[in-house]
């Protein structure tokens, strides 16, 4: 394997993954400024594609839900159709989402930590928050049905420097403005530092004989409440204040944590960065 295309190369995961890939491969980067993935007709000839491009900001799930669905689904179809026509089919690595499993754990008591066999359940199509989860879920089916060799990974609450539109950076930004509102404080998540996420992705692509045709959870095994993450952020920002606690938005899952035995057993990956270390690193990068 020599040549790799990364879509969403300037995004959160992409901006950290590209430098790691460039140490071993020739990397072709594609981001929004390089053209519309939904309509573009030509892409480079490569051995693998990391399709990371997507609308991933939680705010956009509610405010730009049609665009979220259109961009996430159409870009995946367009890329798959292009590479289906190539004589040498590239390995297609697709970023799914643990959000698509929230209905099963929240309403049907599917086990937590949650394994890769958990069904997708869309509990309320009128709640526009599902625009992201449903579009990423159909993206998995598109990739599998395309006939391309594939790896699908489902990241669980990745955080770190350069992230926007998600809890950790948004809470840091609010604190910098002396605003201490906290939403969904009782909810629990599995918090994975971006460096550990990149390490996992590198292992997946470096071991295609073992990982092709498989779906993998990528996350931290520890399940930690949002309020405890907020307290950790405040500690590293040297703020000793009382937070203003609010309920989570409608449709936000109360618990999320992955079973990572599959990726551990196949490629030997385990996260190395604990929450305190990861939050300290993120706060220092953002302040």
Protein backbone atom coordinates (compact mmCIF):
# COMPACT_ATOMS: atom_id res chain seq x y z
CA UNK A 1 0.00 0.00 0.00
CA UNK A 2 1.51 3.31 -1.12
CA UNK A 3 -1.13 5.95 -1.93
CA UNK A 4 -4.01 7.02 0.32
CA UNK A 5 -6.83 9.54 -0.14
CA UNK A 6 -8.16 11.24 2.99
CA UNK A 7 -11.45 13.11 2.68
CA UNK A 8 -12.17 15.65 5.38
CA UNK A 9 -8.41 16.07 5.69
CA UNK A 10 -8.71 19.45 7.43
CA UNK A 11 -11.36 18.21 9.85
CA UNK A 12 -10.74 17.15 13.42
CA UNK A 13 -9.72 13.51 12.92
CA UNK A 14 -8.30 14.12 9.45
CA UNK A 15 -5.96 16.90 10.55
CA UNK A 16 -4.40 14.57 13.11
CA UNK A 17 -4.43 11.44 10.94
CA UNK A 18 -2.78 12.94 7.83
CA UNK A 19 0.61 13.67 9.49
CA UNK A 20 0.72 10.11 10.87
CA UNK A 21 -0.07 8.64 7.44
CA UNK A 22 2.49 10.85 5.69
CA UNK A 23 5.28 9.15 7.60
CA UNK A 24 4.58 5.95 5.64
CA UNK A 25 2.44 6.76 2.59
CA UNK A 26 1.83 9.32 -0.12
CA UNK A 27 -1.32 11.08 1.02
CA UNK A 28 -3.83 12.87 -1.20
CA UNK A 29 -5.86 15.34 0.86
CA UNK A 30 -9.39 16.42 0.03
CA UNK A 31 -11.40 18.98 1.95
CA UNK A 32 -14.27 21.31 1.14
CA UNK A 33 -12.01 23.83 -0.62
CA UNK A 34 -10.90 21.08 -3.03
CA UNK A 35 -14.38 20.47 -4.45
CA UNK A 36 -17.80 19.05 -3.68
CA UNK A 37 -17.56 15.36 -2.85
CA UNK A 38 -21.23 14.99 -3.79
CA UNK A 39 -20.65 15.99 -7.42
CA UNK A 40 -16.93 15.65 -8.14
CA UNK A 41 -16.22 13.26 -11.01
CA UNK A 42 -12.52 12.43 -10.60
CA UNK A 43 -10.46 11.30 -7.66
CA UNK A 44 -6.83 10.10 -7.46
CA UNK A 45 -5.87 6.49 -8.09
CA UNK A 46 -5.03 5.16 -4.64
CA UNK A 47 -4.65 1.98 -2.64
CA UNK A 48 -6.90 3.13 0.19
CA UNK A 49 -9.50 5.80 0.97
CA UNK A 50 -10.17 7.22 4.43
CA UNK A 51 -13.64 8.73 4.06
CA UNK A 52 -13.85 11.07 7.05
CA UNK A 53 -15.67 14.01 5.44
CA UNK A 54 -19.07 14.61 7.02
CA UNK A 55 -21.20 17.19 8.74
CA UNK A 56 -20.40 16.32 12.37
CA UNK A 57 -21.23 19.42 14.42
CA UNK A 58 -24.01 18.66 16.91
CA UNK A 59 -25.46 22.13 16.29
CA UNK A 60 -25.82 21.31 12.57
CA UNK A 61 -27.82 18.16 13.32
CA UNK A 62 -30.66 20.45 14.40
CA UNK A 63 -30.13 23.52 12.20
CA UNK A 64 -28.92 22.02 8.90
CA UNK A 65 -30.38 18.54 9.06
CA UNK A 66 -31.23 18.28 5.35
CA UNK A 67 -27.67 19.29 4.39
CA UNK A 68 -26.27 16.83 6.94
CA UNK A 69 -28.20 13.94 5.36
CA UNK A 70 -27.51 15.04 1.79
CA UNK A 71 -23.78 15.58 2.24
CA UNK A 72 -23.13 12.48 4.32
CA UNK A 73 -25.04 10.10 2.06
CA UNK A 74 -24.36 11.55 -1.38
CA UNK A 75 -20.62 11.96 -0.87
CA UNK A 76 -20.33 8.30 0.16
CA UNK A 77 -22.31 7.10 -2.86
CA UNK A 78 -20.26 9.28 -5.20
CA UNK A 79 -16.92 8.03 -3.88
CA UNK A 80 -18.00 4.39 -3.92
CA UNK A 81 -19.33 4.65 -7.48
CA UNK A 82 -16.07 6.18 -8.68
CA UNK A 83 -13.86 3.53 -7.10
CA UNK A 84 -16.17 0.68 -8.13
CA UNK A 85 -15.11 1.43 -11.72
CA UNK A 86 -11.40 1.12 -11.02
CA UNK A 87 -9.61 -2.07 -12.00
CA UNK A 88 -7.70 -2.07 -8.70
CA UNK A 89 -10.29 -1.50 -5.98
CA UNK A 90 -8.95 0.52 -3.04
CA UNK A 91 -9.54 -0.39 0.59
CA UNK A 92 -12.35 1.92 1.72
CA UNK A 93 -12.12 2.98 5.38
CA UNK A 94 -15.36 4.59 6.52
CA UNK A 95 -16.09 6.58 9.67
CA UNK A 96 -19.41 5.40 11.08
CA UNK A 97 -20.86 6.60 14.38
CA UNK A 98 -21.84 5.20 17.75
CA UNK A 99 -24.79 7.65 17.65
CA UNK A 100 -26.67 5.18 15.44
CA UNK A 101 -26.74 2.66 18.30
CA UNK A 102 -28.22 5.06 20.85
CA UNK A 103 -31.82 4.00 20.23
CA UNK A 104 -31.01 0.37 20.97
CA UNK A 105 -29.23 1.10 24.25
CA UNK A 106 -31.62 3.82 25.41
CA UNK A 107 -34.97 2.24 24.56
CA UNK A 108 -34.35 -1.50 24.15
CA UNK A 109 -31.80 -2.10 26.90
CA UNK A 110 -29.02 -3.29 24.61
CA UNK A 111 -25.96 -3.97 26.70
CA UNK A 112 -23.42 -1.31 27.68
CA UNK A 113 -20.47 -1.51 27.00
CA UNK A 114 -21.85 -1.92 23.50
CA UNK A 115 -20.35 -4.24 20.90
CA UNK A 116 -20.30 -3.92 17.11
CA UNK A 117 -23.35 -6.18 16.72
CA UNK A 118 -25.69 -3.63 18.31
CA UNK A 119 -28.57 -2.84 15.92
CA UNK A 120 -29.27 0.63 14.58
CA UNK A 121 -32.51 2.05 15.99
CA UNK A 122 -33.96 5.41 14.96
CA UNK A 123 -36.48 6.11 17.69
CA UNK A 124 -37.95 9.40 16.50
CA UNK A 125 -37.56 10.53 12.87
CA UNK A 126 -39.18 13.86 13.78
CA UNK A 127 -36.24 14.67 16.05
CA UNK A 128 -33.73 16.22 13.66
CA UNK A 129 -30.83 15.13 15.85
CA UNK A 130 -31.18 11.76 14.08
CA UNK A 131 -30.14 13.35 10.75
CA UNK A 132 -26.52 12.57 11.56
CA UNK A 133 -26.90 9.07 12.99
CA UNK A 134 -29.28 7.88 10.29
CA UNK A 135 -27.15 9.26 7.44
CA UNK A 136 -23.98 7.71 8.83
CA UNK A 137 -25.77 4.41 9.37
CA UNK A 138 -26.92 4.23 5.75
CA UNK A 139 -23.36 5.18 4.81
CA UNK A 140 -22.15 1.95 6.39
CA UNK A 141 -24.66 0.00 4.32
CA UNK A 142 -23.60 1.85 1.15
CA UNK A 143 -19.96 0.95 1.70
CA UNK A 144 -20.73 -2.69 2.45
CA UNK A 145 -23.09 -2.99 -0.55
CA UNK A 146 -20.60 -1.32 -2.91
CA UNK A 147 -18.47 -4.43 -3.18
CA UNK A 148 -15.32 -2.51 -2.30
CA UNK A 149 -13.00 -3.97 0.32
CA UNK A 150 -13.76 -2.01 3.46
CA UNK A 151 -13.05 -1.28 7.09
CA UNK A 152 -15.70 0.53 9.14
CA UNK A 153 -14.82 2.18 12.44
CA UNK A 154 -17.17 3.74 14.96
CA UNK A 155 -15.48 6.37 17.13
CA UNK A 156 -16.81 7.04 20.62
CA UNK A 157 -16.59 10.65 21.80
CA UNK A 158 -13.17 11.52 20.48
CA UNK A 159 -11.82 14.84 21.78
CA UNK A 160 -8.66 16.89 21.59
CA UNK A 161 -7.02 19.96 20.03
CA UNK A 162 -8.53 21.35 16.80
CA UNK A 163 -12.00 19.98 17.56
CA UNK A 164 -15.08 22.20 17.16
CA UNK A 165 -18.80 21.68 17.56
CA UNK A 166 -18.69 19.15 20.40
CA UNK A 167 -18.86 19.18 24.19
CA UNK A 168 -15.21 19.49 25.25
CA UNK A 169 -14.22 22.44 23.03
CA UNK A 170 -17.60 24.13 23.46
CA UNK A 171 -17.41 23.95 27.25
CA UNK A 172 -13.85 25.29 27.22
CA UNK A 173 -14.97 28.17 25.01
CA UNK A 174 -17.90 28.95 27.34
CA UNK A 175 -15.62 29.00 30.38
CA UNK A 176 -13.26 31.37 28.58
CA UNK A 177 -16.26 33.70 28.26
CA UNK A 178 -17.14 33.21 31.97
CA UNK A 179 -20.24 31.22 31.07
CA UNK A 180 -20.64 28.08 33.15
CA UNK A 181 -23.75 26.39 31.77
CA UNK A 182 -23.55 22.61 31.57
CA UNK A 183 -26.07 20.54 29.63
CA UNK A 184 -26.63 16.81 30.10
CA UNK A 185 -24.49 16.77 33.23
CA UNK A 186 -25.65 13.31 34.35
CA UNK A 187 -25.04 11.64 30.99
CA UNK A 188 -22.04 9.33 30.70
CA UNK A 189 -19.69 8.87 27.77
CA UNK A 190 -16.48 7.12 26.80
CA UNK A 191 -13.91 9.89 26.19
CA UNK A 192 -11.12 9.05 23.73
CA UNK A 193 -8.17 11.37 23.10
CA UNK A 194 -7.45 12.01 19.43
CA UNK A 195 -3.91 10.61 19.65
CA UNK A 196 -5.28 7.24 20.75
CA UNK A 197 -7.83 7.37 17.93
CA UNK A 198 -5.09 7.96 15.35
CA UNK A 199 -3.06 5.07 16.77
CA UNK A 200 -6.08 2.79 16.32
CA UNK A 201 -6.66 3.88 12.72
CA UNK A 202 -3.02 3.32 11.85
CA UNK A 203 -3.19 -0.23 13.21
CA UNK A 204 -6.35 -0.94 11.22
CA UNK A 205 -4.83 0.13 7.92
CA UNK A 206 -1.46 -1.51 8.60
CA UNK A 207 -3.08 -4.91 9.14
CA UNK A 208 -5.52 -5.25 6.20
CA UNK A 209 -5.34 -9.06 6.17
CA UNK A 210 -6.97 -9.07 9.61
CA UNK A 211 -9.16 -5.96 9.46
CA UNK A 212 -10.70 -5.88 5.96
CA UNK A 213 -14.41 -6.60 5.93
CA UNK A 214 -14.79 -5.82 9.63
CA UNK A 215 -16.46 -3.17 11.81
CA UNK A 216 -14.61 -1.84 14.86
CA UNK A 217 -15.50 0.25 17.87
CA UNK A 218 -12.80 2.80 18.76
CA UNK A 219 -13.20 4.24 22.22
CA UNK A 220 -11.99 4.35 25.80
CA UNK A 221 -13.31 1.60 28.10
CA UNK A 222 -13.94 4.03 31.00
CA UNK A 223 -17.47 5.46 31.22
CA UNK A 224 -17.35 8.95 32.76
CA UNK A 225 -20.13 11.45 33.47
CA UNK A 226 -20.25 14.75 31.63
CA UNK A 227 -20.15 16.66 34.91
CA UNK A 228 -16.89 14.95 35.86
CA UNK A 229 -15.35 15.91 32.52
CA UNK A 230 -16.50 19.47 33.11
CA UNK A 231 -14.90 19.46 36.56
CA UNK A 232 -11.66 18.19 35.03
CA UNK A 233 -11.75 21.00 32.47
CA UNK A 234 -12.36 23.59 35.19
CA UNK A 235 -9.46 22.21 37.23
CA UNK A 236 -7.03 22.57 34.36
CA UNK A 237 -8.41 26.04 33.57
CA UNK A 238 -7.91 26.94 37.24
CA UNK A 239 -11.55 27.86 37.73
CA UNK A 240 -13.26 27.18 41.05
CA UNK A 241 -16.91 27.98 40.38
CA UNK A 242 -20.35 26.42 40.60
CA UNK A 243 -21.79 25.30 37.29
CA UNK A 244 -25.30 26.04 36.07
CA UNK A 245 -26.75 22.59 35.41
CA UNK A 246 -29.31 21.88 32.67
CA UNK A 247 -30.94 18.80 31.18
CA UNK A 248 -29.57 17.28 27.98
CA UNK A 249 -31.22 18.12 24.63
CA UNK A 250 -34.09 15.83 23.66
CA UNK A 251 -32.72 12.71 21.99
CA UNK A 252 -29.31 12.80 23.66
CA UNK A 253 -28.49 9.31 24.90
CA UNK A 254 -28.00 8.97 28.67
CA UNK A 255 -25.14 6.44 28.48
CA UNK A 256 -22.57 5.52 25.84
CA UNK A 257 -19.54 3.25 26.19
CA UNK A 258 -17.94 0.77 23.77
CA UNK A 259 -16.90 -2.82 24.04
CA UNK A 260 -13.42 -2.66 22.44
CA UNK A 261 -12.49 -6.33 22.76
CA UNK A 262 -12.64 -6.84 19.00
CA UNK A 263 -9.99 -4.26 18.06
CA UNK A 264 -7.95 -5.24 21.10
CA UNK A 265 -7.95 -8.91 20.15
CA UNK A 266 -7.33 -8.42 16.40
CA UNK A 267 -4.66 -5.70 16.32
CA UNK A 268 -3.72 -5.29 19.97
CA UNK A 269 -4.95 -1.71 20.37
CA UNK A 270 -5.77 -0.17 23.72
CA UNK A 271 -5.99 3.54 24.55
CA UNK A 272 -3.08 4.93 26.54
CA UNK A 273 -4.21 8.43 27.52
CA UNK A 274 -6.43 8.87 30.58
CA UNK A 275 -9.00 11.63 30.87
CA UNK A 276 -6.98 13.91 33.14
CA UNK A 277 -3.96 13.81 30.84
CA UNK A 278 -6.05 14.25 27.71
CA UNK A 279 -8.06 17.17 29.08
CA UNK A 280 -4.90 18.87 30.30
CA UNK A 281 -3.40 18.57 26.81
CA UNK A 282 -6.59 19.87 25.18
CA UNK A 283 -6.99 22.84 27.56
CA UNK A 284 -3.36 23.87 27.05
CA UNK A 285 -3.84 23.76 23.26
CA UNK A 286 -7.03 25.85 23.37
CA UNK A 287 -6.12 28.50 25.96
